[in-house]
């Protein structure tokens, strides 16, 4: 994994990194879908940067818009901040 790609992904995901507390609390989860129609897999926080740097997983510029990474709000933000 090249350092240039790692730096790009780190900058690209800076907003998510700022929300680490919410990811750890389970309020937001990052999902990866490997192929169209497949069940999404949760990406653990500690594996997130490496997963996003993996060219096989990213599928940049592909025609399959449902394949790749997405974030899902799993609980009410108001409840999480209590």
PDB file of N, CA and C in Angstrom:
ATOM      1  N   UNK A   1       0.852  -1.176   0.000  1.00  0.00           N
ATOM      2  CA  UNK A   1       0.000   0.000   0.000  1.00  0.00           C
ATOM      3  C   UNK A   1       0.892   1.232   0.000  1.00  0.00           C
ATOM      4  N   UNK A   2       0.757   2.095  -0.997  1.00  0.00           N
ATOM      5  CA  UNK A   2       1.600   3.272  -1.116  1.00  0.00           C
ATOM      6  C   UNK A   2       1.258   4.351  -0.118  1.00  0.00           C
ATOM      7  N   UNK A   3       2.287   5.057   0.305  1.00  0.00           N
ATOM      8  CA  UNK A   3       2.071   6.141   1.265  1.00  0.00           C
ATOM      9  C   UNK A   3       1.226   7.260   0.661  1.00  0.00           C
ATOM     10  N   UNK A   4       1.348   7.483  -0.644  1.00  0.00           N
ATOM     11  CA  UNK A   4       0.550   8.525  -1.297  1.00  0.00           C
ATOM     12  C   UNK A   4      -0.940   8.176  -1.228  1.00  0.00           C
ATOM     13  N   UNK A   5      -1.276   6.911  -1.485  1.00  0.00           N
ATOM     14  CA  UNK A   5      -2.673   6.485  -1.391  1.00  0.00           C
ATOM     15  C   UNK A   5      -3.164   6.580   0.043  1.00  0.00           C
ATOM     16  N   UNK A   6      -2.328   6.173   0.994  1.00  0.00           N
ATOM     17  CA  UNK A   6      -2.707   6.246   2.412  1.00  0.00           C
ATOM     18  C   UNK A   6      -2.997   7.690   2.821  1.00  0.00           C
ATOM     19  N   UNK A   7      -2.162   8.623   2.377  1.00  0.00           N
ATOM     20  CA  UNK A   7      -2.364  10.034   2.715  1.00  0.00           C
ATOM     21  C   UNK A   7      -3.655  10.554   2.087  1.00  0.00           C
ATOM     22  N   UNK A   8      -3.922  10.164   0.836  1.00  0.00           N
ATOM     23  CA  UNK A   8      -5.160  10.574   0.163  1.00  0.00           C
ATOM     24  C   UNK A   8      -6.378  10.052   0.915  1.00  0.00           C
ATOM     25  N   UNK A   9      -6.357   8.779   1.274  1.00  0.00           N
ATOM     26  CA  UNK A   9      -7.507   8.188   1.966  1.00  0.00           C
ATOM     27  C   UNK A   9      -7.666   8.807   3.350  1.00  0.00           C
ATOM     28  N   UNK A  10      -6.571   9.044   4.056  1.00  0.00           N
ATOM     29  CA  UNK A  10      -6.654   9.664   5.386  1.00  0.00           C
ATOM     30  C   UNK A  10      -7.293  11.043   5.291  1.00  0.00           C
ATOM     31  N   UNK A  11      -6.901  11.825   4.299  1.00  0.00           N
ATOM     32  CA  UNK A  11      -7.497  13.156   4.114  1.00  0.00           C
ATOM     33  C   UNK A  11      -8.957  13.038   3.696  1.00  0.00           C
ATOM     34  N   UNK A  12      -9.246  12.058   2.836  1.00  0.00           N
ATOM     35  CA  UNK A  12     -10.591  11.865   2.324  1.00  0.00           C
ATOM     36  C   UNK A  12     -11.558  11.431   3.420  1.00  0.00           C
ATOM     37  N   UNK A  13     -11.048  10.754   4.429  1.00  0.00           N
ATOM     38  CA  UNK A  13     -11.906  10.243   5.502  1.00  0.00           C
ATOM     39  C   UNK A  13     -11.760  11.043   6.798  1.00  0.00           C
ATOM     40  N   UNK A  14     -11.186  12.233   6.707  1.00  0.00           N
ATOM     41  CA  UNK A  14     -10.933  13.028   7.916  1.00  0.00           C
ATOM     42  C   UNK A  14     -12.200  13.281   8.724  1.00  0.00           C
ATOM     43  N   UNK A  15     -13.316  13.509   8.055  1.00  0.00           N
ATOM     44  CA  UNK A  15     -14.568  13.741   8.794  1.00  0.00           C
ATOM     45  C   UNK A  15     -14.957  12.509   9.590  1.00  0.00           C
ATOM     46  N   UNK A  16     -14.790  11.342   9.002  1.00  0.00           N
ATOM     47  CA  UNK A  16     -15.133  10.110   9.710  1.00  0.00           C
ATOM     48  C   UNK A  16     -14.208   9.899  10.903  1.00  0.00           C
ATOM     49  N   UNK A  17     -12.915  10.206  10.712  1.00  0.00           N
ATOM     50  CA  UNK A  17     -11.960  10.050  11.801  1.00  0.00           C
ATOM     51  C   UNK A  17     -12.332  10.950  12.971  1.00  0.00           C
ATOM     52  N   UNK A  18     -12.846  12.146  12.686  1.00  0.00           N
ATOM     53  CA  UNK A  18     -13.287  13.053  13.762  1.00  0.00           C
ATOM     54  C   UNK A  18     -14.461  12.467  14.534  1.00  0.00           C
ATOM     55  N   UNK A  19     -15.189  11.569  13.910  1.00  0.00           N
ATOM     56  CA  UNK A  19     -16.357  10.962  14.552  1.00  0.00           C
ATOM     57  C   UNK A  19     -16.041   9.597  15.169  1.00  0.00           C
ATOM     58  N   UNK A  20     -14.750   9.381  15.475  1.00  0.00           N
ATOM     59  CA  UNK A  20     -14.315   8.099  16.013  1.00  0.00           C
ATOM     60  C   UNK A  20     -15.128   7.702  17.246  1.00  0.00           C
ATOM     61  N   UNK A  21     -15.417   8.644  18.078  1.00  0.00           N
ATOM     62  CA  UNK A  21     -16.180   8.340  19.304  1.00  0.00           C
ATOM     63  C   UNK A  21     -17.533   7.748  18.957  1.00  0.00           C
ATOM     64  N   UNK A  22     -18.191   8.279  17.929  1.00  0.00           N
ATOM     65  CA  UNK A  22     -19.499   7.770  17.528  1.00  0.00           C
ATOM     66  C   UNK A  22     -19.382   6.397  16.875  1.00  0.00           C
ATOM     67  N   UNK A  23     -18.302   6.174  16.138  1.00  0.00           N
ATOM     68  CA  UNK A  23     -18.088   4.860  15.525  1.00  0.00           C
ATOM     69  C   UNK A  23     -17.848   3.833  16.618  1.00  0.00           C
ATOM     70  N   UNK A  24     -17.004   4.173  17.579  1.00  0.00           N
ATOM     71  CA  UNK A  24     -16.721   3.256  18.696  1.00  0.00           C
ATOM     72  C   UNK A  24     -17.967   2.987  19.524  1.00  0.00           C
ATOM     73  N   UNK A  25     -18.830   3.988  19.655  1.00  0.00           N
ATOM     74  CA  UNK A  25     -20.062   3.819  20.433  1.00  0.00           C
ATOM     75  C   UNK A  25     -21.121   3.032  19.664  1.00  0.00           C
ATOM     76  N   UNK A  26     -20.844   2.745  18.403  1.00  0.00           N
ATOM     77  CA  UNK A  26     -21.795   1.982  17.609  1.00  0.00           C
ATOM     78  C   UNK A  26     -22.905   2.825  17.013  1.00  0.00           C
ATOM     79  N   UNK A  27     -22.775   4.124  17.055  1.00  0.00           N
ATOM     80  CA  UNK A  27     -23.794   5.017  16.514  1.00  0.00           C
ATOM     81  C   UNK A  27     -23.712   5.042  14.988  1.00  0.00           C
ATOM     82  N   UNK A  28     -22.487   4.973  14.474  1.00  0.00           N
ATOM     83  CA  UNK A  28     -22.269   4.922  13.032  1.00  0.00           C
ATOM     84  C   UNK A  28     -21.488   3.652  12.752  1.00  0.00           C
ATOM     85  N   UNK A  29     -21.899   2.938  11.713  1.00  0.00           N
ATOM     86  CA  UNK A  29     -21.073   1.816  11.293  1.00  0.00           C
ATOM     87  C   UNK A  29     -20.743   1.965   9.823  1.00  0.00           C
ATOM     88  N   UNK A  30     -19.558   1.521   9.472  1.00  0.00           N
ATOM     89  CA  UNK A  30     -19.094   1.565   8.092  1.00  0.00           C
ATOM     90  C   UNK A  30     -19.298   0.175   7.513  1.00  0.00           C
ATOM     91  N   UNK A  31     -19.976   0.143   6.374  1.00  0.00           N
ATOM     92  CA  UNK A  31     -20.270  -1.132   5.728  1.00  0.00           C
ATOM     93  C   UNK A  31     -19.524  -1.236   4.413  1.00  0.00           C
ATOM     94  N   UNK A  32     -19.208  -2.467   4.043  1.00  0.00           N
ATOM     95  CA  UNK A  32     -18.622  -2.726   2.732  1.00  0.00           C
ATOM     96  C   UNK A  32     -19.454  -3.796   2.034  1.00  0.00           C
ATOM     97  N   UNK A  33     -19.804  -3.518   0.779  1.00  0.00           N
ATOM     98  CA  UNK A  33     -20.526  -4.482  -0.052  1.00  0.00           C
ATOM     99  C   UNK A  33     -19.554  -4.935  -1.131  1.00  0.00           C
ATOM    100  N   UNK A  34     -19.299  -6.239  -1.195  1.00  0.00           N
ATOM    101  CA  UNK A  34     -18.285  -6.780  -2.103  1.00  0.00           C
ATOM    102  C   UNK A  34     -18.771  -6.921  -3.536  1.00  0.00           C
ATOM    103  N   UNK A  35     -20.053  -7.197  -3.727  1.00  0.00           N
ATOM    104  CA  UNK A  35     -20.592  -7.379  -5.074  1.00  0.00           C
ATOM    105  C   UNK A  35     -22.079  -7.060  -5.062  1.00  0.00           C
ATOM    106  N   UNK A  36     -22.650  -6.753  -6.208  1.00  0.00           N
ATOM    107  CA  UNK A  36     -24.078  -6.401  -6.247  1.00  0.00           C
ATOM    108  C   UNK A  36     -24.940  -7.489  -5.615  1.00  0.00           C
ATOM    109  N   UNK A  37     -25.845  -7.072  -4.777  1.00  0.00           N
ATOM    110  CA  UNK A  37     -26.774  -7.993  -4.131  1.00  0.00           C
ATOM    111  C   UNK A  37     -26.220  -8.707  -2.910  1.00  0.00           C
ATOM    112  N   UNK A  38     -24.943  -8.504  -2.599  1.00  0.00           N
ATOM    113  CA  UNK A  38     -24.336  -9.164  -1.441  1.00  0.00           C
ATOM    114  C   UNK A  38     -24.730  -8.451  -0.153  1.00  0.00           C
ATOM    115  N   UNK A  39     -24.712  -9.193   0.931  1.00  0.00           N
ATOM    116  CA  UNK A  39     -24.952  -8.604   2.243  1.00  0.00           C
ATOM    117  C   UNK A  39     -23.757  -7.737   2.630  1.00  0.00           C
ATOM    118  N   UNK A  40     -23.994  -6.560   3.188  1.00  0.00           N
ATOM    119  CA  UNK A  40     -22.871  -5.711   3.609  1.00  0.00           C
ATOM    120  C   UNK A  40     -22.167  -6.288   4.832  1.00  0.00           C
ATOM    121  N   UNK A  41     -20.864  -6.074   4.910  1.00  0.00           N
ATOM    122  CA  UNK A  41     -20.065  -6.473   6.065  1.00  0.00           C
ATOM    123  C   UNK A  41     -19.637  -5.216   6.808  1.00  0.00           C
ATOM    124  N   UNK A  42     -19.686  -5.275   8.128  1.00  0.00           N
ATOM    125  CA  UNK A  42     -19.249  -4.147   8.951  1.00  0.00           C
ATOM    126  C   UNK A  42     -17.727  -4.119   8.962  1.00  0.00           C
ATOM    127  N   UNK A  43     -17.166  -2.941   8.745  1.00  0.00           N
ATOM    128  CA  UNK A  43     -15.712  -2.755   8.795  1.00  0.00           C
ATOM    129  C   UNK A  43     -15.367  -2.253  10.195  1.00  0.00           C
ATOM    130  N   UNK A  44     -14.602  -3.036  10.970  1.00  0.00           N
ATOM    131  CA  UNK A  44     -14.224  -2.581  12.311  1.00  0.00           C
ATOM    132  C   UNK A  44     -13.383  -1.310  12.244  1.00  0.00           C
ATOM    133  N   UNK A  45     -13.535  -0.459  13.218  1.00  0.00           N
ATOM    134  CA  UNK A  45     -12.829   0.816  13.252  1.00  0.00           C
ATOM    135  C   UNK A  45     -11.322   0.639  13.082  1.00  0.00           C
ATOM    136  N   UNK A  46     -10.752  -0.352  13.748  1.00  0.00           N
ATOM    137  CA  UNK A  46      -9.296  -0.525  13.684  1.00  0.00           C
ATOM    138  C   UNK A  46      -8.814  -0.970  12.296  1.00  0.00           C
ATOM    139  N   UNK A  47      -9.719  -1.476  11.458  1.00  0.00           N
ATOM    140  CA  UNK A  47      -9.358  -1.904  10.099  1.00  0.00           C
ATOM    141  C   UNK A  47      -9.798  -0.908   9.039  1.00  0.00           C
ATOM    142  N   UNK A  48     -10.416   0.180   9.445  1.00  0.00           N
ATOM    143  CA  UNK A  48     -11.050   1.085   8.499  1.00  0.00           C
ATOM    144  C   UNK A  48     -10.074   1.702   7.489  1.00  0.00           C
ATOM    145  N   UNK A  49      -8.986   2.285   7.956  1.00  0.00           N
ATOM    146  CA  UNK A  49      -8.056   2.948   7.042  1.00  0.00           C
ATOM    147  C   UNK A  49      -7.445   1.939   6.064  1.00  0.00           C
ATOM    148  N   UNK A  50      -7.041   0.782   6.578  1.00  0.00           N
ATOM    149  CA  UNK A  50      -6.467  -0.237   5.687  1.00  0.00           C
ATOM    150  C   UNK A  50      -7.487  -0.702   4.656  1.00  0.00           C
ATOM    151  N   UNK A  51      -8.738  -0.883   5.071  1.00  0.00           N
ATOM    152  CA  UNK A  51      -9.779  -1.319   4.129  1.00  0.00           C
ATOM    153  C   UNK A  51     -10.011  -0.268   3.050  1.00  0.00           C
ATOM    154  N   UNK A  52     -10.061   0.993   3.442  1.00  0.00           N
ATOM    155  CA  UNK A  52     -10.299   2.056   2.476  1.00  0.00           C
ATOM    156  C   UNK A  52      -9.110   2.252   1.530  1.00  0.00           C
ATOM    157  N   UNK A  53      -7.929   1.817   1.943  1.00  0.00           N
ATOM    158  CA  UNK A  53      -6.740   1.922   1.092  1.00  0.00           C
ATOM    159  C   UNK A  53      -6.606   0.730   0.142  1.00  0.00           C
ATOM    160  N   UNK A  54      -7.370  -0.307   0.366  1.00  0.00           N
ATOM    161  CA  UNK A  54      -7.269  -1.510  -0.454  1.00  0.00           C
ATOM    162  C   UNK A  54      -7.953  -1.265  -1.799  1.00  0.00           C
ATOM    163  N   UNK A  55      -7.174  -1.233  -2.868  1.00  0.00           N
ATOM    164  CA  UNK A  55      -7.712  -0.939  -4.199  1.00  0.00           C
ATOM    165  C   UNK A  55      -8.760  -1.955  -4.635  1.00  0.00           C
ATOM    166  N   UNK A  56      -8.654  -3.194  -4.175  1.00  0.00           N
ATOM    167  CA  UNK A  56      -9.633  -4.224  -4.526  1.00  0.00           C
ATOM    168  C   UNK A  56     -10.996  -3.927  -3.894  1.00  0.00           C
ATOM    169  N   UNK A  57     -10.979  -3.366  -2.709  1.00  0.00           N
ATOM    170  CA  UNK A  57     -12.230  -3.102  -1.987  1.00  0.00           C
ATOM    171  C   UNK A  57     -12.874  -1.784  -2.395  1.00  0.00           C
ATOM    172  N   UNK A  58     -12.049  -0.811  -2.779  1.00  0.00           N
ATOM    173  CA  UNK A  58     -12.575   0.538  -3.046  1.00  0.00           C
ATOM    174  C   UNK A  58     -13.491   0.590  -4.256  1.00  0.00           C
ATOM    175  N   UNK A  59     -13.101  -0.049  -5.339  1.00  0.00           N
ATOM    176  CA  UNK A  59     -13.883  -0.030  -6.576  1.00  0.00           C
ATOM    177  C   UNK A  59     -14.104   1.388  -7.092  1.00  0.00           C
ATOM    178  N   UNK A  60     -13.079   2.206  -7.074  1.00  0.00           N
ATOM    179  CA  UNK A  60     -13.181   3.585  -7.564  1.00  0.00           C
ATOM    180  C   UNK A  60     -13.602   3.622  -9.022  1.00  0.00           C
ATOM    181  N   UNK A  61     -14.572   4.445  -9.327  1.00  0.00           N
ATOM    182  CA  UNK A  61     -14.981   4.663 -10.706  1.00  0.00           C
ATOM    183  C   UNK A  61     -15.700   3.500 -11.353  1.00  0.00           C
ATOM    184  N   UNK A  62     -16.122   2.528 -10.571  1.00  0.00           N
ATOM    185  CA  UNK A  62     -16.816   1.382 -11.138  1.00  0.00           C
ATOM    186  C   UNK A  62     -18.255   1.702 -11.493  1.00  0.00           C
ATOM    187  N   UNK A  63     -18.831   0.863 -12.314  1.00  0.00           N
ATOM    188  CA  UNK A  63     -20.222   1.047 -12.722  1.00  0.00           C
ATOM    189  C   UNK A  63     -21.205   0.535 -11.671  1.00  0.00           C
ATOM    190  N   UNK A  64     -20.730  -0.264 -10.734  1.00  0.00           N
ATOM    191  CA  UNK A  64     -21.601  -0.866  -9.735  1.00  0.00           C
ATOM    192  C   UNK A  64     -21.705   0.063  -8.529  1.00  0.00           C
ATOM    193  N   UNK A  65     -22.676   0.979  -8.563  1.00  0.00           N
ATOM    194  CA  UNK A  65     -22.751   2.007  -7.525  1.00  0.00           C
ATOM    195  C   UNK A  65     -23.084   1.434  -6.156  1.00  0.00           C
ATOM    196  N   UNK A  66     -23.702   0.257  -6.093  1.00  0.00           N
ATOM    197  CA  UNK A  66     -24.051  -0.313  -4.795  1.00  0.00           C
ATOM    198  C   UNK A  66     -22.896  -1.092  -4.178  1.00  0.00           C
ATOM    199  N   UNK A  67     -21.769  -1.188  -4.891  1.00  0.00           N
ATOM    200  CA  UNK A  67     -20.596  -1.914  -4.404  1.00  0.00           C
ATOM    201  C   UNK A  67     -19.607  -0.911  -3.822  1.00  0.00           C
ATOM    202  N   UNK A  68     -19.055  -1.239  -2.663  1.00  0.00           N
ATOM    203  CA  UNK A  68     -18.071  -0.368  -2.032  1.00  0.00           C
ATOM    204  C   UNK A  68     -18.427  -0.076  -0.590  1.00  0.00           C
ATOM    205  N   UNK A  69     -18.078   1.128  -0.129  1.00  0.00           N
ATOM    206  CA  UNK A  69     -18.262   1.502   1.273  1.00  0.00           C
ATOM    207  C   UNK A  69     -19.421   2.473   1.441  1.00  0.00           C
ATOM    208  N   UNK A  70     -20.056   2.388   2.591  1.00  0.00           N
ATOM    209  CA  UNK A  70     -21.086   3.348   2.967  1.00  0.00           C
ATOM    210  C   UNK A  70     -21.122   3.445   4.490  1.00  0.00           C
ATOM    211  N   UNK A  71     -21.642   4.548   5.004  1.00  0.00           N
ATOM    212  CA  UNK A  71     -21.813   4.721   6.448  1.00  0.00           C
ATOM    213  C   UNK A  71     -23.297   4.708   6.766  1.00  0.00           C
ATOM    214  N   UNK A  72     -23.623   4.099   7.895  1.00  0.00           N
ATOM    215  CA  UNK A  72     -25.019   3.980   8.299  1.00  0.00           C
ATOM    216  C   UNK A  72     -25.156   4.477   9.729  1.00  0.00           C
ATOM    217  N   UNK A  73     -26.129   5.332   9.955  1.00  0.00           N
ATOM    218  CA  UNK A  73     -26.460   5.788  11.305  1.00  0.00           C
ATOM    219  C   UNK A  73     -27.264   4.677  11.957  1.00  0.00           C
ATOM    220  N   UNK A  74     -26.761   4.131  13.056  1.00  0.00           N
ATOM    221  CA  UNK A  74     -27.412   2.988  13.675  1.00  0.00           C
ATOM    222  C   UNK A  74     -28.283   3.329  14.869  1.00  0.00           C
ATOM    223  N   UNK A  75     -28.049   4.478  15.463  1.00  0.00           N
ATOM    224  CA  UNK A  75     -28.855   4.901  16.611  1.00  0.00           C
ATOM    225  C   UNK A  75     -29.066   6.392  16.529  1.00  0.00           C
ATOM    226  N   UNK A  76     -30.024   6.858  17.295  1.00  0.00           N
ATOM    227  CA  UNK A  76     -30.291   8.287  17.365  1.00  0.00           C
ATOM    228  C   UNK A  76     -29.091   9.016  17.951  1.00  0.00           C
ATOM    229  N   UNK A  77     -28.643  10.065  17.302  1.00  0.00           N
ATOM    230  CA  UNK A  77     -27.533  10.852  17.785  1.00  0.00           C
ATOM    231  C   UNK A  77     -27.838  11.453  19.158  1.00  0.00           C
ATOM    232  N   UNK A  78     -29.067  11.864  19.384  1.00  0.00           N
ATOM    233  CA  UNK A  78     -29.452  12.442  20.670  1.00  0.00           C
ATOM    234  C   UNK A  78     -29.249  11.431  21.791  1.00  0.00           C
ATOM    235  N   UNK A  79     -29.624  10.175  21.560  1.00  0.00           N
ATOM    236  CA  UNK A  79     -29.448   9.131  22.585  1.00  0.00           C
ATOM    237  C   UNK A  79     -27.969   8.845  22.819  1.00  0.00           C
ATOM    238  N   UNK A  80     -27.166   8.895  21.780  1.00  0.00           N
ATOM    239  CA  UNK A  80     -25.752   8.577  21.901  1.00  0.00           C
ATOM    240  C   UNK A  80     -25.000   9.617  22.726  1.00  0.00           C
ATOM    241  N   UNK A  81     -25.442  10.854  22.679  1.00  0.00           N
ATOM    242  CA  UNK A  81     -24.733  11.932  23.376  1.00  0.00           C
ATOM    243  C   UNK A  81     -25.150  12.084  24.833  1.00  0.00           C
ATOM    244  N   UNK A  82     -26.070  11.298  25.270  1.00  0.00           N
ATOM    245  CA  UNK A  82     -26.511  11.378  26.676  1.00  0.00           C
ATOM    246  C   UNK A  82     -25.490  10.816  27.612  1.00  0.00           C
TER     247      UNK A  82
END
